[in-house]
N, C-alpha and C. Protein backbone atom coordinates (compact mmCIF):
# COMPACT_ATOMS: atom_id res chain seq x y z
N MET A 1 0.79 -1.21 0.00
CA MET A 1 0.00 0.00 0.00
C MET A 1 0.83 1.28 0.00
N PRO A 2 1.91 1.33 -0.76
CA PRO A 2 2.66 2.58 -0.81
C PRO A 2 1.87 3.70 -1.46
N LEU A 3 0.88 3.36 -2.29
CA LEU A 3 0.06 4.41 -2.91
C LEU A 3 -0.79 5.15 -1.88
N LEU A 4 -1.24 4.43 -0.86
CA LEU A 4 -2.01 5.08 0.20
C LEU A 4 -1.13 6.06 0.98
N LYS A 5 0.12 5.67 1.24
CA LYS A 5 1.06 6.58 1.92
C LYS A 5 1.38 7.78 1.05
N LEU A 6 1.53 7.55 -0.25
CA LEU A 6 1.79 8.64 -1.18
C LEU A 6 0.61 9.61 -1.23
N LEU A 7 -0.60 9.07 -1.27
CA LEU A 7 -1.79 9.92 -1.25
C LEU A 7 -1.84 10.73 0.04
N HIS A 8 -1.55 10.09 1.17
CA HIS A 8 -1.56 10.78 2.46
C HIS A 8 -0.52 11.89 2.49
N PHE A 9 0.68 11.60 2.02
CA PHE A 9 1.75 12.58 2.04
C PHE A 9 1.43 13.76 1.11
N ALA A 10 0.94 13.48 -0.08
CA ALA A 10 0.61 14.55 -1.03
C ALA A 10 -0.54 15.42 -0.50
N ALA A 11 -1.54 14.79 0.07
CA ALA A 11 -2.67 15.55 0.62
C ALA A 11 -2.21 16.41 1.80
N LEU A 12 -1.35 15.86 2.64
CA LEU A 12 -0.82 16.64 3.78
C LEU A 12 0.00 17.82 3.30
N LEU A 13 0.80 17.61 2.27
CA LEU A 13 1.61 18.69 1.73
C LEU A 13 0.73 19.84 1.23
N CYS A 14 -0.31 19.50 0.50
CA CYS A 14 -1.24 20.54 0.00
C CYS A 14 -1.98 21.21 1.15
N TRP A 15 -2.46 20.43 2.12
CA TRP A 15 -3.23 20.99 3.22
C TRP A 15 -2.36 21.90 4.09
N CYS A 16 -1.17 21.44 4.42
CA CYS A 16 -0.29 22.25 5.27
C CYS A 16 0.14 23.53 4.56
N GLY A 17 0.42 23.42 3.28
CA GLY A 17 0.76 24.62 2.51
C GLY A 17 -0.39 25.61 2.50
N ALA A 18 -1.60 25.12 2.31
CA ALA A 18 -2.77 25.99 2.31
C ALA A 18 -3.01 26.59 3.70
N LEU A 19 -2.78 25.80 4.75
CA LEU A 19 -2.96 26.33 6.11
C LEU A 19 -1.97 27.45 6.42
N LEU A 20 -0.79 27.38 5.84
CA LEU A 20 0.19 28.44 6.06
C LEU A 20 -0.08 29.65 5.18
N TYR A 21 -0.69 29.44 4.02
CA TYR A 21 -0.93 30.51 3.06
C TYR A 21 -2.23 31.26 3.33
N LEU A 22 -3.25 30.57 3.77
CA LEU A 22 -4.57 31.20 3.94
C LEU A 22 -4.58 32.39 4.90
N PRO A 23 -3.97 32.33 6.08
CA PRO A 23 -4.01 33.51 6.95
C PRO A 23 -3.41 34.76 6.30
N ALA A 24 -2.32 34.59 5.57
CA ALA A 24 -1.72 35.74 4.88
C ALA A 24 -2.62 36.24 3.78
N LEU A 25 -3.27 35.34 3.09
CA LEU A 25 -4.18 35.71 2.01
C LEU A 25 -5.40 36.45 2.55
N ILE A 26 -5.92 35.98 3.68
CA ILE A 26 -7.08 36.65 4.30
C ILE A 26 -6.69 38.05 4.75
N ALA A 27 -5.55 38.17 5.42
CA ALA A 27 -5.11 39.48 5.92
C ALA A 27 -4.83 40.45 4.77
N ALA A 28 -4.26 39.95 3.68
CA ALA A 28 -3.94 40.83 2.55
C ALA A 28 -5.20 41.39 1.90
N GLY A 29 -6.30 40.68 1.99
CA GLY A 29 -7.54 41.13 1.37
C GLY A 29 -8.17 42.32 2.04
N THR A 30 -7.74 42.64 3.24
CA THR A 30 -8.33 43.77 3.97
C THR A 30 -7.48 45.04 3.85
N ARG A 31 -6.38 44.97 3.15
CA ARG A 31 -5.46 46.11 3.11
C ARG A 31 -5.69 47.08 1.97
N ARG A 32 -6.50 46.72 0.99
CA ARG A 32 -6.74 47.61 -0.14
C ARG A 32 -8.19 48.08 -0.13
N SER A 33 -8.41 49.30 -0.55
CA SER A 33 -9.77 49.83 -0.55
C SER A 33 -10.44 49.75 -1.93
N ASP A 34 -9.69 49.32 -2.94
CA ASP A 34 -10.22 49.20 -4.29
C ASP A 34 -11.26 48.07 -4.34
N SER A 35 -12.48 48.38 -4.77
CA SER A 35 -13.55 47.39 -4.72
C SER A 35 -13.33 46.25 -5.71
N LEU A 36 -12.74 46.52 -6.87
CA LEU A 36 -12.46 45.46 -7.83
C LEU A 36 -11.42 44.50 -7.28
N PHE A 37 -10.36 45.04 -6.67
CA PHE A 37 -9.34 44.20 -6.05
C PHE A 37 -9.96 43.37 -4.95
N TYR A 38 -10.79 43.98 -4.12
CA TYR A 38 -11.38 43.26 -2.99
C TYR A 38 -12.25 42.11 -3.48
N ARG A 39 -13.08 42.35 -4.50
CA ARG A 39 -13.97 41.31 -5.00
C ARG A 39 -13.17 40.14 -5.57
N ASP A 40 -12.16 40.44 -6.38
CA ASP A 40 -11.35 39.37 -6.96
C ASP A 40 -10.53 38.64 -5.89
N HIS A 41 -10.02 39.39 -4.94
CA HIS A 41 -9.23 38.78 -3.88
C HIS A 41 -10.09 37.89 -2.99
N ALA A 42 -11.29 38.34 -2.68
CA ALA A 42 -12.20 37.53 -1.87
C ALA A 42 -12.56 36.24 -2.61
N HIS A 43 -12.72 36.34 -3.91
CA HIS A 43 -13.03 35.15 -4.72
C HIS A 43 -11.85 34.18 -4.70
N LEU A 44 -10.63 34.69 -4.85
CA LEU A 44 -9.43 33.86 -4.81
C LEU A 44 -9.28 33.18 -3.45
N THR A 45 -9.50 33.93 -2.39
CA THR A 45 -9.36 33.37 -1.04
C THR A 45 -10.36 32.24 -0.83
N ARG A 46 -11.59 32.45 -1.23
CA ARG A 46 -12.62 31.42 -1.07
C ARG A 46 -12.28 30.19 -1.93
N MET A 47 -11.76 30.41 -3.12
CA MET A 47 -11.40 29.28 -4.00
C MET A 47 -10.26 28.46 -3.41
N VAL A 48 -9.25 29.12 -2.85
CA VAL A 48 -8.15 28.39 -2.23
C VAL A 48 -8.67 27.56 -1.06
N PHE A 49 -9.58 28.14 -0.28
CA PHE A 49 -10.13 27.42 0.87
C PHE A 49 -10.98 26.23 0.44
N THR A 50 -11.90 26.45 -0.52
CA THR A 50 -12.86 25.39 -0.87
C THR A 50 -12.34 24.39 -1.89
N LEU A 51 -11.44 24.81 -2.78
CA LEU A 51 -10.99 23.91 -3.83
C LEU A 51 -9.62 23.29 -3.59
N VAL A 52 -8.85 23.84 -2.66
CA VAL A 52 -7.53 23.28 -2.37
C VAL A 52 -7.46 22.77 -0.93
N ALA A 53 -7.67 23.67 0.03
CA ALA A 53 -7.44 23.32 1.44
C ALA A 53 -8.42 22.27 1.96
N THR A 54 -9.70 22.45 1.72
CA THR A 54 -10.68 21.52 2.28
C THR A 54 -10.60 20.12 1.66
N PRO A 55 -10.54 19.98 0.32
CA PRO A 55 -10.38 18.62 -0.21
C PRO A 55 -9.07 17.96 0.24
N ALA A 56 -7.99 18.74 0.32
CA ALA A 56 -6.72 18.18 0.77
C ALA A 56 -6.82 17.72 2.23
N ALA A 57 -7.50 18.51 3.05
CA ALA A 57 -7.68 18.12 4.46
C ALA A 57 -8.48 16.82 4.57
N LEU A 58 -9.55 16.73 3.81
CA LEU A 58 -10.37 15.52 3.85
C LEU A 58 -9.59 14.30 3.37
N LEU A 59 -8.82 14.47 2.30
CA LEU A 59 -8.00 13.35 1.80
C LEU A 59 -6.92 12.97 2.81
N ALA A 60 -6.28 13.96 3.41
CA ALA A 60 -5.22 13.68 4.39
C ALA A 60 -5.78 12.94 5.61
N ILE A 61 -6.90 13.40 6.11
CA ILE A 61 -7.49 12.77 7.29
C ILE A 61 -8.01 11.37 6.95
N GLY A 62 -8.66 11.24 5.81
CA GLY A 62 -9.18 9.93 5.41
C GLY A 62 -8.09 8.92 5.15
N SER A 63 -7.07 9.31 4.40
CA SER A 63 -5.98 8.37 4.10
C SER A 63 -5.15 8.07 5.35
N GLY A 64 -4.99 9.06 6.23
CA GLY A 64 -4.27 8.81 7.49
C GLY A 64 -5.02 7.84 8.38
N THR A 65 -6.32 7.98 8.42
CA THR A 65 -7.14 7.05 9.20
C THR A 65 -7.03 5.64 8.63
N ALA A 66 -7.08 5.53 7.31
CA ALA A 66 -6.95 4.21 6.67
C ALA A 66 -5.58 3.60 6.97
N LEU A 67 -4.54 4.43 7.00
CA LEU A 67 -3.19 3.92 7.28
C LEU A 67 -3.06 3.36 8.68
N PHE A 68 -3.55 4.11 9.68
CA PHE A 68 -3.33 3.58 11.03
C PHE A 68 -4.30 2.45 11.36
N LEU A 69 -5.45 2.39 10.70
CA LEU A 69 -6.33 1.24 10.90
C LEU A 69 -5.77 0.00 10.20
N ARG A 70 -5.18 0.19 9.01
CA ARG A 70 -4.58 -0.93 8.27
C ARG A 70 -3.41 -1.52 9.04
N ASP A 71 -2.56 -0.64 9.60
CA ASP A 71 -1.38 -1.11 10.31
C ASP A 71 -1.64 -1.43 11.78
N ALA A 72 -2.85 -1.17 12.25
CA ALA A 72 -3.25 -1.42 13.65
C ALA A 72 -2.28 -0.77 14.63
N ILE A 73 -1.99 0.52 14.40
CA ILE A 73 -1.10 1.27 15.28
C ILE A 73 -1.95 2.04 16.29
N PHE A 74 -1.77 1.73 17.55
CA PHE A 74 -2.47 2.46 18.61
C PHE A 74 -1.49 2.72 19.74
N GLU A 75 -0.51 3.57 19.47
CA GLU A 75 0.52 3.88 20.44
C GLU A 75 0.34 5.31 20.96
N GLY A 76 1.09 5.65 21.98
CA GLY A 76 0.96 6.96 22.62
C GLY A 76 1.25 8.12 21.68
N TRP A 77 2.28 8.00 20.85
CA TRP A 77 2.63 9.09 19.94
C TRP A 77 1.50 9.37 18.96
N LEU A 78 0.77 8.31 18.56
CA LEU A 78 -0.31 8.49 17.60
C LEU A 78 -1.47 9.29 18.22
N ILE A 79 -1.75 9.04 19.48
CA ILE A 79 -2.82 9.79 20.15
C ILE A 79 -2.45 11.27 20.22
N VAL A 80 -1.20 11.57 20.56
CA VAL A 80 -0.76 12.96 20.62
C VAL A 80 -0.77 13.58 19.22
N LYS A 81 -0.35 12.80 18.21
CA LYS A 81 -0.35 13.29 16.84
C LYS A 81 -1.78 13.60 16.38
N LEU A 82 -2.72 12.75 16.71
CA LEU A 82 -4.11 13.00 16.35
C LEU A 82 -4.64 14.26 17.03
N THR A 83 -4.14 14.55 18.21
CA THR A 83 -4.51 15.79 18.90
C THR A 83 -3.97 17.00 18.15
N THR A 84 -2.75 16.92 17.66
CA THR A 84 -2.20 18.03 16.88
C THR A 84 -2.94 18.19 15.55
N VAL A 85 -3.35 17.08 14.96
CA VAL A 85 -4.14 17.15 13.72
C VAL A 85 -5.50 17.80 14.01
N ALA A 86 -6.08 17.50 15.15
CA ALA A 86 -7.34 18.16 15.53
C ALA A 86 -7.13 19.66 15.68
N GLY A 87 -5.97 20.07 16.19
CA GLY A 87 -5.65 21.50 16.25
C GLY A 87 -5.53 22.11 14.87
N MET A 88 -4.96 21.36 13.92
CA MET A 88 -4.87 21.84 12.54
C MET A 88 -6.27 21.99 11.94
N VAL A 89 -7.16 21.08 12.27
CA VAL A 89 -8.54 21.18 11.79
C VAL A 89 -9.20 22.43 12.37
N LEU A 90 -8.92 22.75 13.62
CA LEU A 90 -9.46 23.98 14.22
C LEU A 90 -8.91 25.22 13.53
N CYS A 91 -7.63 25.22 13.18
CA CYS A 91 -7.06 26.34 12.42
C CYS A 91 -7.73 26.46 11.06
N HIS A 92 -8.01 25.34 10.43
CA HIS A 92 -8.68 25.32 9.14
C HIS A 92 -10.08 25.93 9.27
N ALA A 93 -10.80 25.50 10.28
CA ALA A 93 -12.16 26.03 10.49
C ALA A 93 -12.11 27.52 10.83
N TRP A 94 -11.13 27.93 11.61
CA TRP A 94 -10.99 29.34 11.97
C TRP A 94 -10.73 30.20 10.73
N CYS A 95 -9.94 29.66 9.80
CA CYS A 95 -9.72 30.37 8.53
C CYS A 95 -11.05 30.53 7.79
N GLY A 96 -11.87 29.49 7.78
CA GLY A 96 -13.17 29.58 7.13
C GLY A 96 -14.05 30.64 7.75
N VAL A 97 -14.04 30.72 9.07
CA VAL A 97 -14.83 31.75 9.76
C VAL A 97 -14.33 33.14 9.40
N LEU A 98 -13.02 33.32 9.37
CA LEU A 98 -12.46 34.63 9.02
C LEU A 98 -12.77 35.01 7.57
N ILE A 99 -12.76 34.04 6.68
CA ILE A 99 -13.13 34.32 5.28
C ILE A 99 -14.56 34.83 5.21
N LEU A 100 -15.46 34.19 5.93
CA LEU A 100 -16.85 34.64 5.94
C LEU A 100 -16.99 36.04 6.54
N ARG A 101 -16.27 36.30 7.63
CA ARG A 101 -16.32 37.64 8.25
C ARG A 101 -15.81 38.72 7.30
N VAL A 102 -14.71 38.46 6.63
CA VAL A 102 -14.13 39.45 5.73
C VAL A 102 -15.03 39.67 4.53
N GLU A 103 -15.71 38.62 4.05
CA GLU A 103 -16.63 38.78 2.92
C GLU A 103 -17.82 39.65 3.31
N ARG A 104 -18.28 39.50 4.55
CA ARG A 104 -19.44 40.30 4.98
C ARG A 104 -19.06 41.75 5.24
N ALA A 105 -17.99 41.97 5.96
CA ALA A 105 -17.55 43.33 6.30
C ALA A 105 -16.04 43.32 6.50
N PRO A 106 -15.29 43.82 5.52
CA PRO A 106 -13.82 43.83 5.67
C PRO A 106 -13.40 44.64 6.89
N GLU A 107 -12.60 44.01 7.74
CA GLU A 107 -12.11 44.67 8.95
C GLU A 107 -10.61 44.88 8.83
N GLN A 108 -10.15 45.96 9.37
CA GLN A 108 -8.72 46.21 9.38
C GLN A 108 -8.04 45.51 10.56
N SER A 109 -8.80 45.12 11.57
CA SER A 109 -8.22 44.54 12.77
C SER A 109 -8.06 43.03 12.69
N ILE A 110 -8.13 42.46 11.52
CA ILE A 110 -8.08 41.01 11.39
C ILE A 110 -6.65 40.49 11.33
N ASP A 111 -5.67 41.37 11.16
CA ASP A 111 -4.27 40.96 11.02
C ASP A 111 -3.77 40.15 12.21
N LEU A 112 -4.11 40.54 13.42
CA LEU A 112 -3.65 39.82 14.61
C LEU A 112 -4.19 38.40 14.62
N ARG A 113 -5.48 38.25 14.32
CA ARG A 113 -6.06 36.91 14.31
C ARG A 113 -5.44 36.04 13.23
N CYS A 114 -5.18 36.63 12.06
CA CYS A 114 -4.53 35.88 10.99
C CYS A 114 -3.11 35.47 11.39
N GLY A 115 -2.41 36.36 12.07
CA GLY A 115 -1.08 36.04 12.57
C GLY A 115 -1.10 34.90 13.58
N LEU A 116 -2.09 34.93 14.46
CA LEU A 116 -2.22 33.85 15.45
C LEU A 116 -2.52 32.52 14.79
N ILE A 117 -3.38 32.52 13.79
CA ILE A 117 -3.68 31.28 13.06
C ILE A 117 -2.42 30.77 12.37
N GLY A 118 -1.69 31.66 11.73
CA GLY A 118 -0.47 31.25 11.03
C GLY A 118 0.55 30.64 11.95
N VAL A 119 0.77 31.27 13.11
CA VAL A 119 1.74 30.75 14.08
C VAL A 119 1.26 29.42 14.66
N ALA A 120 -0.03 29.35 15.01
CA ALA A 120 -0.58 28.10 15.55
C ALA A 120 -0.46 26.97 14.54
N ALA A 121 -0.80 27.24 13.28
CA ALA A 121 -0.70 26.21 12.24
C ALA A 121 0.74 25.76 12.07
N MET A 122 1.68 26.71 12.07
CA MET A 122 3.08 26.36 11.90
C MET A 122 3.57 25.47 13.05
N LEU A 123 3.21 25.82 14.28
CA LEU A 123 3.63 25.02 15.43
C LEU A 123 2.99 23.63 15.42
N LEU A 124 1.72 23.57 15.04
CA LEU A 124 1.04 22.27 14.99
C LEU A 124 1.60 21.38 13.89
N ILE A 125 1.92 21.97 12.74
CA ILE A 125 2.52 21.19 11.65
C ILE A 125 3.89 20.67 12.07
N ALA A 126 4.69 21.52 12.70
CA ALA A 126 6.02 21.09 13.16
C ALA A 126 5.91 20.00 14.22
N ALA A 127 4.97 20.14 15.15
CA ALA A 127 4.79 19.13 16.19
C ALA A 127 4.33 17.80 15.59
N THR A 128 3.44 17.87 14.61
CA THR A 128 2.96 16.65 13.96
C THR A 128 4.10 15.94 13.25
N LEU A 129 4.89 16.70 12.52
CA LEU A 129 6.03 16.12 11.81
C LEU A 129 7.02 15.49 12.79
N TRP A 130 7.31 16.18 13.88
CA TRP A 130 8.22 15.63 14.86
C TRP A 130 7.68 14.33 15.46
N LEU A 131 6.38 14.33 15.79
CA LEU A 131 5.79 13.13 16.39
C LEU A 131 5.84 11.93 15.45
N VAL A 132 5.61 12.17 14.17
CA VAL A 132 5.63 11.08 13.20
C VAL A 132 7.05 10.54 13.02
N LEU A 133 8.03 11.44 12.96
CA LEU A 133 9.40 11.00 12.71
C LEU A 133 10.09 10.44 13.96
N ALA A 134 9.84 11.03 15.13
CA ALA A 134 10.53 10.59 16.34
C ALA A 134 9.81 9.47 17.08
N LYS A 135 8.49 9.41 16.96
CA LYS A 135 7.67 8.42 17.69
C LYS A 135 8.13 8.32 19.15
N PRO A 136 8.01 9.44 19.89
CA PRO A 136 8.62 9.52 21.21
C PRO A 136 8.02 8.63 22.29
N PHE A 137 6.77 8.23 22.18
CA PHE A 137 6.14 7.47 23.25
C PHE A 137 6.00 6.00 22.91
N SER A 138 6.86 5.49 22.03
CA SER A 138 6.77 4.09 21.61
C SER A 138 7.40 3.18 22.64
């Protein structure tokens, strides 16, 4: 089943990249007052979220679940890793909420929240990678 691992890795790569890119994209959309720029930028942000990040997240979670069920791995590091993945899902959902807020009423004060999401996503991605490679609680 190396194809399942390849699918999982490729989906994770796309999802993590989108999680790191979306907060910056959301924040950048509130910095210009040009209505044409805002409309096109809001459309791009929504497309990245719905056509790249969400399908990649679903594929990564589904293929990861299939991998650990196939290999019957139920160790301590996996439980902690699944917790970090749940945090990544929360960052993903938070990005979706911010996209909806910006579409309804562009706010200038959204930069701090986008920065927090970006830092949280980066730390969770790094922690997940470390847990998978080091398997500290085995």
